[in-house]
Amino acid sequence: MKTTLKGALVAMLAVLITGCNSEVDQIEQELKSMSLEQKVGQLFIVRPEALDKDAFYNSPTDLKNFSLQEVTECMRVMAQKYPMGGVILFGHNIKDEAQLSRFVEDLRSLPSHPLLCIDEEGGRVARIGNNPNFRVPKIPPAAQLAAAGRTKDVFEAAFTIGTYLKQYGFDIDFAPVADVNTNPQNIVIGARAFSNDPNQAAPMVKNYLKGLQKAGIVGCLKHFPGHGDTQADTHFGYAMSRKTWEEIDNCEMIPFKAGIKAGAQMIMSAHISLPNVTGSNTPCTLSSMIMKDKLRDELGFDGVIITDAMEMGAILRQYPVQDASVMALKAGVDILLCVREYPLVFETVLAAVRRGEITEARVDESVRRILKLRHSIGR
């Protein structure tokens, strides 16, 4: 009987290894078949407006009046020339169920078959949940969900969100917020965080992620390495924390480590600065010390690193968007989110690869991670 059991275990292990090798081989074949332009395109998740030449905007708030809610012929032509890895929808892109269904179907038909993404945390950040034209449960903010200390409530809330996102055709939810809201003067995180205590936040982050996973939606831990101890808002300008890495490791990293251990496939960087860690005011998104040395090497995360929106003030008030995008990729991120002037940035990154400033091998590293993510989604 022991021999039979041992044989069965060996056979099972062989199947697992074969399956793993098969996926790796398939990813390598896909990578080999891609043009350089297609590979560069995978490094971007953009607003639908990025594909419309008439949708220039000074601030994202300008786009509410533009209200792009369908795929136009211009967008199809642009997507052919500038393929992208994904598209993120915001509240102004979503009218009702019928419109969203058509929009998602048409977006998926674009040449690169982009992943569909959204910010749907619950509370005030819920593009569908806060739309009166959708009959979905209203999920309270993270702090309220976690107040009773029941991780089951958090799991069920995330599963509910994930279930309706899956129904409407989304692949990725940029949630949960893994920040620890330690600064009472913080104006951007607040109730979006589960707690001001990292040990209370950690199991909530884990269970939110698990709830999305059960519903078939990829979650994304944000905002690494923690936006909870800042006062300023990176949407509008420079924000920083004076903590040392030891202080961060004993607080902000606790929920992120819990999320990584729970199988997080994606982590979003924050544009905050940590001068007492990096020795400069460089935003963490552009810092190889934070993206590579800390997140990759120290925490052992090998999933997809995506930036927070590259159109935010903490980036654009300090750098031209095309320069910051190249810096972010060189720092170790895999995907650039919401870049302004997408064609310009696409061409800039492509040129940087062609001249060797960013090696094609470096691009391939990121594309492998993205293809692995796509395989897990079934896309």
Protein backbone atom coordinates (compact mmCIF):
# COMPACT_ATOMS: atom_id res chain seq x y z
CA MET A 1 0.00 0.00 0.00
CA LYS A 2 2.88 2.36 0.85
CA THR A 3 4.46 1.57 -2.54
CA THR A 4 1.19 2.34 -4.31
CA LEU A 5 0.82 5.64 -2.46
CA LYS A 6 4.40 6.58 -3.23
CA GLY A 7 3.86 5.76 -6.89
CA ALA A 8 0.71 7.86 -7.00
CA LEU A 9 2.51 10.82 -5.41
CA VAL A 10 5.38 10.52 -7.90
CA ALA A 11 2.91 10.41 -10.79
CA MET A 12 1.03 13.45 -9.44
CA LEU A 13 4.28 15.38 -9.07
CA ALA A 14 5.23 14.46 -12.63
CA VAL A 15 1.90 15.80 -13.91
CA LEU A 16 2.37 19.05 -11.97
CA ILE A 17 5.91 19.50 -13.30
CA THR A 18 4.79 18.71 -16.85
CA GLY A 19 1.93 21.19 -16.57
CA CYS A 20 4.26 23.86 -15.24
CA ASN A 21 6.79 23.25 -18.01
CA SER A 22 4.00 23.29 -20.57
CA GLU A 23 2.87 26.74 -19.44
CA VAL A 24 6.44 28.05 -19.41
CA ASP A 25 7.00 26.67 -22.92
CA GLN A 26 3.76 28.22 -24.13
CA ILE A 27 4.69 31.61 -22.67
CA GLU A 28 8.11 31.43 -24.31
CA GLN A 29 6.50 30.57 -27.64
CA GLU A 30 4.10 33.49 -27.32
CA LEU A 31 6.95 35.82 -26.39
CA LYS A 32 9.01 34.66 -29.36
CA SER A 33 6.11 35.27 -31.75
CA MET A 34 5.61 38.88 -30.62
CA SER A 35 7.06 41.88 -32.40
CA LEU A 36 8.95 44.45 -30.36
CA GLU A 37 6.00 46.83 -30.77
CA GLN A 38 3.60 44.21 -29.39
CA LYS A 39 5.85 43.56 -26.42
CA VAL A 40 6.19 47.26 -25.63
CA GLY A 41 2.42 47.61 -25.86
CA GLN A 42 1.98 45.00 -23.12
CA LEU A 43 3.76 47.40 -20.74
CA PHE A 44 0.79 49.80 -20.77
CA ILE A 45 -2.67 49.90 -19.25
CA VAL A 46 -4.36 53.03 -20.55
CA ARG A 47 -7.57 55.01 -20.32
CA PRO A 48 -9.80 54.50 -23.37
CA GLU A 49 -9.29 58.23 -24.01
CA ALA A 50 -5.59 57.51 -24.68
CA LEU A 51 -6.70 56.04 -28.00
CA ASP A 52 -8.81 59.02 -29.04
CA LYS A 53 -6.83 61.86 -30.61
CA ASP A 54 -9.52 64.38 -29.64
CA ALA A 55 -9.46 63.51 -25.93
CA PHE A 56 -6.67 65.79 -24.77
CA TYR A 57 -7.00 66.79 -21.14
CA ASN A 58 -5.13 68.95 -18.66
CA SER A 59 -6.61 67.12 -15.68
CA PRO A 60 -8.43 63.77 -15.41
CA THR A 61 -11.46 65.69 -14.15
CA ASP A 62 -11.77 67.19 -17.66
CA LEU A 63 -12.66 63.75 -18.99
CA LYS A 64 -15.98 63.67 -17.16
CA ASN A 65 -17.35 66.13 -19.71
CA PHE A 66 -15.88 64.15 -22.59
CA SER A 67 -17.61 60.95 -21.36
CA LEU A 68 -16.07 58.45 -23.76
CA GLN A 69 -18.35 55.40 -23.55
CA GLU A 70 -17.86 53.56 -26.84
CA VAL A 71 -15.10 52.36 -29.11
CA THR A 72 -14.75 54.67 -32.09
CA GLU A 73 -13.11 54.02 -35.44
CA CYS A 74 -10.29 56.37 -34.41
CA MET A 75 -9.66 54.20 -31.35
CA ARG A 76 -9.49 51.05 -33.49
CA VAL A 77 -6.91 52.64 -35.78
CA MET A 78 -4.87 53.92 -32.83
CA ALA A 79 -4.97 50.53 -31.10
CA GLN A 80 -3.58 48.92 -34.25
CA LYS A 81 -0.62 51.31 -34.27
CA TYR A 82 -0.21 51.53 -30.50
CA PRO A 83 -1.28 48.18 -29.00
CA MET A 84 -1.82 48.12 -25.26
CA GLY A 85 -1.86 45.44 -22.58
CA GLY A 86 -4.99 46.68 -20.87
CA VAL A 87 -7.65 49.36 -20.55
CA ILE A 88 -8.93 50.86 -17.29
CA LEU A 89 -12.45 52.24 -17.06
CA PHE A 90 -13.50 55.08 -14.77
CA GLY A 91 -16.92 56.26 -13.64
CA HIS A 92 -17.43 58.62 -16.59
CA ASN A 93 -16.83 55.71 -19.00
CA ILE A 94 -19.75 53.77 -17.56
CA LYS A 95 -23.41 54.69 -18.12
CA ASP A 96 -25.48 51.57 -17.51
CA GLU A 97 -25.43 47.80 -18.00
CA ALA A 98 -26.29 47.81 -21.70
CA GLN A 99 -23.65 50.44 -22.54
CA LEU A 100 -20.98 48.75 -20.42
CA SER A 101 -21.67 45.37 -22.03
CA ARG A 102 -21.19 46.81 -25.53
CA PHE A 103 -18.13 48.81 -24.50
CA VAL A 104 -16.40 45.83 -22.87
CA GLU A 105 -17.13 43.61 -25.88
CA ASP A 106 -15.74 46.18 -28.30
CA LEU A 107 -12.67 46.86 -26.17
CA ARG A 108 -11.90 43.15 -26.04
CA SER A 109 -12.05 43.04 -29.84
CA LEU A 110 -9.19 45.52 -30.19
CA PRO A 111 -6.03 44.03 -31.76
CA SER A 112 -4.11 43.35 -28.53
CA HIS A 113 -7.20 41.95 -26.73
CA PRO A 114 -6.56 44.17 -23.71
CA LEU A 115 -7.20 43.17 -20.13
CA LEU A 116 -10.10 45.11 -18.60
CA CYS A 117 -9.37 46.86 -15.30
CA ILE A 118 -11.20 49.03 -12.78
CA ASP A 119 -10.88 50.60 -9.31
CA GLU A 120 -13.69 49.00 -7.30
CA GLU A 121 -12.72 49.06 -3.62
CA GLY A 122 -16.09 49.79 -2.04
CA GLY A 123 -16.90 53.04 -0.23
CA ARG A 124 -16.18 56.18 -2.25
CA VAL A 125 -13.96 54.35 -4.76
CA ALA A 126 -16.50 52.21 -6.62
CA ARG A 127 -17.04 53.06 -10.28
CA ILE A 128 -19.94 50.62 -10.65
CA GLY A 129 -21.11 50.39 -7.04
CA ASN A 130 -21.71 54.15 -6.87
CA ASN A 131 -23.51 54.29 -10.22
CA PRO A 132 -27.29 54.43 -9.60
CA ASN A 133 -27.95 52.64 -12.89
CA PHE A 134 -26.47 49.40 -11.54
CA ARG A 135 -28.34 47.19 -9.10
CA VAL A 136 -25.37 45.85 -7.18
CA PRO A 137 -24.81 45.69 -3.41
CA LYS A 138 -23.29 48.85 -1.94
CA ILE A 139 -20.08 47.85 -0.21
CA PRO A 140 -18.91 50.14 2.63
CA PRO A 141 -15.34 51.45 2.85
CA ALA A 142 -12.57 49.18 4.11
CA ALA A 143 -12.37 50.75 7.57
CA GLN A 144 -16.08 50.14 8.14
CA LEU A 145 -15.85 46.59 6.83
CA ALA A 146 -13.01 45.83 9.21
CA ALA A 147 -14.42 47.65 12.27
CA ALA A 148 -16.07 44.52 13.70
CA GLY A 149 -12.85 42.54 13.27
CA ARG A 150 -14.53 39.77 11.24
CA THR A 151 -12.35 38.72 8.31
CA LYS A 152 -15.32 36.78 6.95
CA ASP A 153 -17.16 40.07 6.32
CA VAL A 154 -14.22 41.37 4.30
CA PHE A 155 -13.97 38.14 2.29
CA GLU A 156 -17.69 38.19 1.47
CA ALA A 157 -17.60 41.87 0.48
CA ALA A 158 -14.68 41.28 -1.89
CA PHE A 159 -16.35 38.17 -3.31
CA THR A 160 -19.49 40.21 -3.95
CA ILE A 161 -17.48 42.89 -5.77
CA GLY A 162 -15.52 40.29 -7.70
CA THR A 163 -18.68 38.47 -8.73
CA TYR A 164 -20.31 41.49 -10.34
CA LEU A 165 -17.03 42.62 -11.91
CA LYS A 166 -16.66 39.18 -13.47
CA GLN A 167 -20.25 39.37 -14.71
CA TYR A 168 -19.54 42.68 -16.42
CA GLY A 169 -16.39 41.37 -18.10
CA PHE A 170 -13.53 42.75 -15.99
CA ASP A 171 -10.26 40.92 -15.33
CA ILE A 172 -8.47 43.05 -12.73
CA ASP A 173 -9.63 45.08 -9.74
CA PHE A 174 -7.10 47.57 -8.39
CA ALA A 175 -7.89 46.61 -4.79
CA PRO A 176 -7.39 46.01 -1.90
CA VAL A 177 -5.76 49.03 -0.31
CA ALA A 178 -2.96 47.56 1.80
CA ASP A 179 -1.94 50.91 3.30
CA VAL A 180 -1.93 51.42 7.06
CA ASN A 181 -3.65 54.71 7.87
CA THR A 182 -1.26 55.84 10.59
CA ASN A 183 -1.38 59.58 9.87
CA PRO A 184 -4.66 61.26 10.98
CA GLN A 185 -3.91 64.14 8.59
CA ASN A 186 -3.80 61.82 5.57
CA ILE A 187 -6.20 63.22 2.96
CA VAL A 188 -6.08 60.47 0.33
CA ILE A 189 -6.25 57.11 2.15
CA GLY A 190 -8.39 57.50 5.28
CA ALA A 191 -11.25 54.99 5.40
CA ARG A 192 -9.95 53.29 2.26
CA ALA A 193 -7.46 51.51 4.57
CA PHE A 194 -8.66 48.70 6.81
CA SER A 195 -6.95 49.99 9.94
CA ASN A 196 -4.29 52.18 11.52
CA ASP A 197 -2.87 48.97 13.05
CA PRO A 198 -0.85 46.84 10.59
CA ASN A 199 -1.58 43.63 12.46
CA GLN A 200 -5.31 44.27 12.15
CA ALA A 201 -5.04 45.36 8.52
CA ALA A 202 -2.98 42.34 7.39
CA PRO A 203 -5.66 39.60 7.73
CA MET A 204 -8.23 41.93 6.16
CA VAL A 205 -5.99 42.53 3.14
CA LYS A 206 -5.45 38.78 2.82
CA ASN A 207 -9.17 37.98 2.96
CA TYR A 208 -10.17 40.74 0.56
CA LEU A 209 -7.65 39.37 -1.93
CA LYS A 210 -8.95 35.83 -1.39
CA GLY A 211 -12.53 37.00 -1.97
CA LEU A 212 -11.61 38.50 -5.34
CA GLN A 213 -9.63 35.37 -6.24
CA LYS A 214 -12.61 33.13 -5.51
CA ALA A 215 -14.74 35.26 -7.85
CA GLY A 216 -12.14 34.90 -10.61
CA ILE A 217 -10.85 38.47 -10.43
CA VAL A 218 -7.17 39.41 -10.06
CA GLY A 219 -6.62 41.77 -7.13
CA CYS A 220 -3.84 44.31 -6.79
CA LEU A 221 -2.25 45.38 -3.50
CA LYS A 222 -1.76 49.13 -3.32
CA HIS A 223 0.04 51.49 -2.75
CA PHE A 224 3.54 50.06 -2.19
CA PRO A 225 5.46 50.82 0.01
CA GLY A 226 2.54 52.48 1.83
CA HIS A 227 0.72 55.78 1.40
CA GLY A 228 -0.82 55.86 4.88
CA ASP A 229 1.79 57.96 6.68
CA THR A 230 1.73 60.90 4.26
CA GLN A 231 -0.15 64.19 4.50
CA ALA A 232 -0.13 65.29 0.86
CA ASP A 233 -1.98 63.63 -2.01
CA THR A 234 0.15 62.27 -4.88
CA HIS A 235 -2.72 62.96 -7.27
CA PHE A 236 -1.80 66.64 -7.03
CA GLY A 237 1.87 66.86 -6.13
CA TYR A 238 4.82 65.76 -4.04
CA ALA A 239 4.13 63.56 -0.99
CA MET A 240 6.64 61.97 1.34
CA SER A 241 7.19 59.99 4.51
CA ARG A 242 10.21 60.47 6.77
CA LYS A 243 10.17 56.90 8.03
CA THR A 244 13.25 54.70 7.88
CA TRP A 245 13.02 51.28 6.25
CA GLU A 246 13.13 49.63 9.67
CA GLU A 247 10.06 51.64 10.70
CA ILE A 248 8.32 50.81 7.42
CA ASP A 249 9.19 47.12 7.75
CA ASN A 250 7.61 47.05 11.21
CA CYS A 251 4.41 48.71 10.02
CA GLU A 252 3.58 49.25 6.34
CA MET A 253 5.16 46.01 5.14
CA ILE A 254 3.06 43.78 7.39
CA PRO A 255 -0.11 43.92 5.22
CA PHE A 256 1.92 43.73 2.01
CA LYS A 257 3.75 40.63 3.22
CA ALA A 258 0.41 39.07 4.18
CA GLY A 259 -0.96 39.80 0.71
CA ILE A 260 2.10 38.39 -1.03
CA LYS A 261 1.88 35.24 1.08
CA ALA A 262 -1.80 34.96 0.13
CA GLY A 263 -0.87 34.83 -3.55
CA ALA A 264 -1.04 38.43 -4.76
CA GLN A 265 -0.35 38.52 -8.49
CA MET A 266 -0.08 42.29 -8.81
CA ILE A 267 1.18 45.19 -6.68
CA MET A 268 0.76 48.90 -7.43
CA SER A 269 3.55 51.33 -6.62
CA ALA A 270 3.03 54.64 -4.84
CA HIS A 271 4.49 57.92 -6.08
CA ILE A 272 5.46 58.93 -2.54
CA SER A 273 9.09 59.69 -1.66
CA LEU A 274 11.11 58.13 1.16
CA PRO A 275 14.19 60.34 1.59
CA ASN A 276 15.34 58.46 4.71
CA VAL A 277 15.34 55.22 2.75
CA THR A 278 16.50 56.17 -0.74
CA GLY A 279 18.50 59.29 0.16
CA SER A 280 16.55 61.40 -2.34
CA ASN A 281 13.12 62.80 -3.14
CA THR A 282 12.66 60.44 -6.09
CA PRO A 283 9.15 58.94 -6.12
CA CYS A 284 9.18 55.25 -5.16
CA THR A 285 7.75 54.35 -8.58
CA LEU A 286 11.00 55.55 -10.13
CA SER A 287 13.33 54.07 -7.51
CA SER A 288 15.13 50.79 -8.21
CA MET A 289 15.96 50.58 -4.50
CA ILE A 290 12.24 50.37 -3.70
CA MET A 291 11.00 48.42 -6.74
CA LYS A 292 13.92 45.98 -7.09
CA ASP A 293 15.90 45.85 -3.86
CA LYS A 294 12.92 45.98 -1.50
CA LEU A 295 9.89 44.60 -3.34
CA ARG A 296 11.58 42.05 -5.59
CA ASP A 297 14.63 40.97 -3.59
CA GLU A 298 13.72 41.54 0.05
CA LEU A 299 10.01 40.67 -0.11
CA GLY A 300 10.45 38.06 -2.84
CA PHE A 301 7.58 39.31 -5.00
CA ASP A 302 7.77 37.98 -8.56
CA GLY A 303 4.34 39.02 -9.80
CA VAL A 304 3.46 42.07 -11.86
CA ILE A 305 4.42 45.52 -10.56
CA ILE A 306 2.19 48.26 -11.94
CA THR A 307 2.60 51.97 -11.34
CA ASP A 308 -0.05 54.21 -9.90
CA ALA A 309 -1.36 56.52 -12.62
CA MET A 310 1.54 58.21 -14.37
CA GLU A 311 -0.65 61.26 -15.03
CA MET A 312 -0.67 62.17 -11.32
CA GLY A 313 0.84 65.40 -10.03
CA ALA A 314 3.61 63.70 -8.07
CA ILE A 315 5.02 62.60 -11.44
CA LEU A 316 4.02 65.30 -13.93
CA ARG A 317 5.04 68.23 -11.73
CA GLN A 318 8.58 66.87 -11.54
CA TYR A 319 9.17 65.03 -14.84
CA PRO A 320 8.05 64.94 -18.47
CA VAL A 321 5.78 61.90 -18.68
CA GLN A 322 7.92 60.15 -21.31
CA ASP A 323 11.07 60.51 -19.19
CA ALA A 324 9.32 59.28 -16.06
CA SER A 325 7.96 56.28 -17.95
CA VAL A 326 11.42 55.19 -19.05
CA MET A 327 12.72 55.76 -15.51
CA ALA A 328 9.94 53.59 -14.05
CA LEU A 329 10.69 50.69 -16.38
CA LYS A 330 14.40 50.96 -15.62
CA ALA A 331 13.54 50.97 -11.90
CA GLY A 332 11.81 47.61 -12.30
CA VAL A 333 8.10 48.13 -12.85
CA ASP A 334 6.29 45.96 -15.41
CA ILE A 335 3.26 48.05 -16.39
CA LEU A 336 2.76 51.80 -16.75
CA LEU A 337 -0.76 52.90 -15.82
CA CYS A 338 -2.62 55.87 -17.32
CA VAL A 339 0.19 57.68 -19.08
CA ARG A 340 -0.59 61.08 -20.58
CA GLU A 341 0.04 61.33 -24.35
CA TYR A 342 0.15 57.57 -24.87
CA PRO A 343 1.48 57.61 -28.48
CA LEU A 344 4.38 59.83 -27.41
CA VAL A 345 5.24 57.63 -24.44
CA PHE A 346 4.88 54.44 -26.49
CA GLU A 347 7.29 55.78 -29.13
CA THR A 348 9.70 57.00 -26.43
CA VAL A 349 9.85 53.60 -24.72
CA LEU A 350 10.17 51.84 -28.08
CA ALA A 351 13.07 54.14 -29.03
CA ALA A 352 14.74 53.55 -25.64
CA VAL A 353 14.66 49.81 -26.28
CA ARG A 354 15.95 50.13 -29.83
CA ARG A 355 18.94 52.18 -28.72
CA GLY A 356 19.67 49.87 -25.77
CA GLU A 357 18.82 52.23 -22.91
CA ILE A 358 16.28 49.61 -21.92
CA THR A 359 17.34 46.17 -23.11
CA GLU A 360 14.91 43.92 -24.92
CA ALA A 361 15.78 41.26 -22.35
CA ARG A 362 14.47 43.63 -19.67
CA VAL A 363 11.22 44.09 -21.62
CA ASP A 364 10.95 40.32 -21.99
CA GLU A 365 11.15 39.90 -18.19
CA SER A 366 8.08 42.06 -17.76
CA VAL A 367 6.18 40.56 -20.67
CA ARG A 368 6.74 37.05 -19.28
CA ARG A 369 5.13 38.12 -16.01
CA ILE A 370 2.24 39.75 -17.88
CA LEU A 371 1.69 36.67 -20.06
CA LYS A 372 1.70 34.49 -16.94
CA LEU A 373 -0.96 36.78 -15.47
CA ARG A 374 -3.00 36.50 -18.66
CA HIS A 375 -2.76 32.71 -18.52
CA SER A 376 -4.09 32.72 -14.97
CA ILE A 377 -7.08 34.77 -16.13
CA GLY A 378 -7.55 32.63 -19.21
CA ARG A 379 -6.86 35.48 -21.60
